[in-house]
Amino acid sequence: METTEKVLDAMKKAGKALKAGEIADLTGIDRKEIDKAMKVLKKEEKIVSPKVCFWEPK
């Protein structure tokens, strides 16, 4: 499974908006890799930010 898929899956399972650090804790993936994956997901419009620093699936 690709990193972006793992990040999106963790967000869906959490059922709430998460910070990048929380996603890193849940998935065990390095924070830098999480940031890269989130950048791709933002560009593809698969995630949105309901409030500053928090992200959730669209």
C-alpha atoms as a PDB file:
ATOM      1  CA  MET A   1       0.000   0.000   0.000  1.00  0.00           C
ATOM      2  CA  GLU A   2       1.310   3.430  -0.936  1.00  0.00           C
ATOM      3  CA  THR A   3       1.965   6.066   1.756  1.00  0.00           C
ATOM      4  CA  THR A   4      -0.812   8.349   0.489  1.00  0.00           C
ATOM      5  CA  GLU A   5      -3.288   5.464   0.706  1.00  0.00           C
ATOM      6  CA  LYS A   6      -2.156   4.640   4.250  1.00  0.00           C
ATOM      7  CA  VAL A   7      -2.564   8.287   5.324  1.00  0.00           C
ATOM      8  CA  LEU A   8      -6.029   8.560   3.799  1.00  0.00           C
ATOM      9  CA  ASP A   9      -7.056   5.211   5.320  1.00  0.00           C
ATOM     10  CA  ALA A  10      -5.877   6.301   8.803  1.00  0.00           C
ATOM     11  CA  MET A  11      -7.876   9.535   8.482  1.00  0.00           C
ATOM     12  CA  LYS A  12     -11.022   7.641   7.484  1.00  0.00           C
ATOM     13  CA  LYS A  13     -10.646   5.150  10.343  1.00  0.00           C
ATOM     14  CA  ALA A  14     -10.117   7.923  12.918  1.00  0.00           C
ATOM     15  CA  GLY A  15     -13.444   9.525  12.037  1.00  0.00           C
ATOM     16  CA  LYS A  16     -12.232  12.982  13.021  1.00  0.00           C
ATOM     17  CA  ALA A  17      -9.844  15.665  11.837  1.00  0.00           C
ATOM     18  CA  LEU A  18      -6.211  14.846  12.636  1.00  0.00           C
ATOM     19  CA  LYS A  19      -2.885  16.642  12.811  1.00  0.00           C
ATOM     20  CA  ALA A  20       0.048  15.274  10.806  1.00  0.00           C
ATOM     21  CA  GLY A  21       1.750  14.178  14.042  1.00  0.00           C
ATOM     22  CA  GLU A  22      -1.308  12.161  15.074  1.00  0.00           C
ATOM     23  CA  ILE A  23      -1.338  10.439  11.682  1.00  0.00           C
ATOM     24  CA  ALA A  24       2.349   9.610  12.118  1.00  0.00           C
ATOM     25  CA  ASP A  25       1.602   8.058  15.528  1.00  0.00           C
ATOM     26  CA  LEU A  26      -1.297   6.001  14.140  1.00  0.00           C
ATOM     27  CA  THR A  27       0.518   4.709  11.064  1.00  0.00           C
ATOM     28  CA  GLY A  28       4.100   4.477  12.295  1.00  0.00           C
ATOM     29  CA  ILE A  29       5.248   6.366   9.188  1.00  0.00           C
ATOM     30  CA  ASP A  30       7.902   9.087   9.469  1.00  0.00           C
ATOM     31  CA  ARG A  31       6.489  12.616   9.808  1.00  0.00           C
ATOM     32  CA  LYS A  32       8.352  13.840   6.697  1.00  0.00           C
ATOM     33  CA  GLU A  33       6.721  11.090   4.629  1.00  0.00           C
ATOM     34  CA  ILE A  34       3.322  12.040   6.066  1.00  0.00           C
ATOM     35  CA  ASP A  35       3.870  15.660   5.007  1.00  0.00           C
ATOM     36  CA  LYS A  36       4.785  14.576   1.468  1.00  0.00           C
ATOM     37  CA  ALA A  37       1.724  12.320   1.226  1.00  0.00           C
ATOM     38  CA  MET A  38      -0.570  15.056   2.559  1.00  0.00           C
ATOM     39  CA  LYS A  39       0.798  17.490  -0.019  1.00  0.00           C
ATOM     40  CA  VAL A  40      -0.185  15.034  -2.770  1.00  0.00           C
ATOM     41  CA  LEU A  41      -3.616  14.441  -1.202  1.00  0.00           C
ATOM     42  CA  LYS A  42      -4.229  18.200  -0.945  1.00  0.00           C
ATOM     43  CA  LYS A  43      -3.285  18.660  -4.602  1.00  0.00           C
ATOM     44  CA  GLU A  44      -5.671  15.836  -5.594  1.00  0.00           C
ATOM     45  CA  GLU A  45      -8.364  17.448  -3.366  1.00  0.00           C
ATOM     46  CA  LYS A  46      -8.858  14.239  -1.361  1.00  0.00           C
ATOM     47  CA  ILE A  47      -8.405  15.946   2.024  1.00  0.00           C
ATOM     48  CA  VAL A  48      -9.664  19.231   3.462  1.00  0.00           C
ATOM     49  CA  SER A  49      -8.775  21.333   6.491  1.00  0.00           C
ATOM     50  CA  PRO A  50     -11.767  22.118   8.743  1.00  0.00           C
ATOM     51  CA  LYS A  51      -9.493  24.170  11.027  1.00  0.00           C
ATOM     52  CA  VAL A  52      -5.843  25.192  11.121  1.00  0.00           C
ATOM     53  CA  CYS A  53      -3.391  22.246  11.208  1.00  0.00           C
ATOM     54  CA  PHE A  54      -6.172  19.625  11.182  1.00  0.00           C
ATOM     55  CA  TRP A  55      -7.033  17.507   8.139  1.00  0.00           C
ATOM     56  CA  GLU A  56      -9.805  15.073   7.225  1.00  0.00           C
ATOM     57  CA  PRO A  57     -10.941  13.180   4.126  1.00  0.00           C
ATOM     58  CA  LYS A  58     -13.119  15.145   1.730  1.00  0.00           C
END
